[in-house]
């Protein structure tokens, strides 16, 4: 591989990982009452996501504010970081929606931690939305038994979320 391609890919991966950390920290801050406490409390009361598009805008604002960091290193890193920030925005928005719509489809985690965070009223546990790494690292992961519906899934099941 060319050095520029490696730099781009590493920057993109770094942005996705950083995005998951920012998501974890911001979600915890919401529960500490530091960021949007009223809006987030309402989200818990209703126990529903808004739409993919609204989540995309919310996550995208944060990604855009931080999406320029890579340009401090080089144009290649900047392009990779911005691409990774966009990828993170799509994945996190989708993950939030699918955990509310049909958490059994969250195949990339052993337990859909965001669904458990809501349904078991874990206001001090399981803050991750896209991944559970940071909960595990910072001691906020709570393991509970979760039995998935074993029915076969169709591609259209993964698209059955509120998009707009």
Foldseek 3Di string as FASTA:
>chain_A
DDPLVVLLQVLLVVLLVVLQVVQLVVLLCCLVVNPPVVVVVVCLVVLADDALVVQLVVLVVVCVVVLQVLVVPPPSSSNSNNNSSNVNSNQLSLQRFCLSVPQLPLPVDPGQLVVCCRPVVLSQARSGRNDCVVRVVVVRHDDDDDDHDPDDDDPVSSVPTHHD
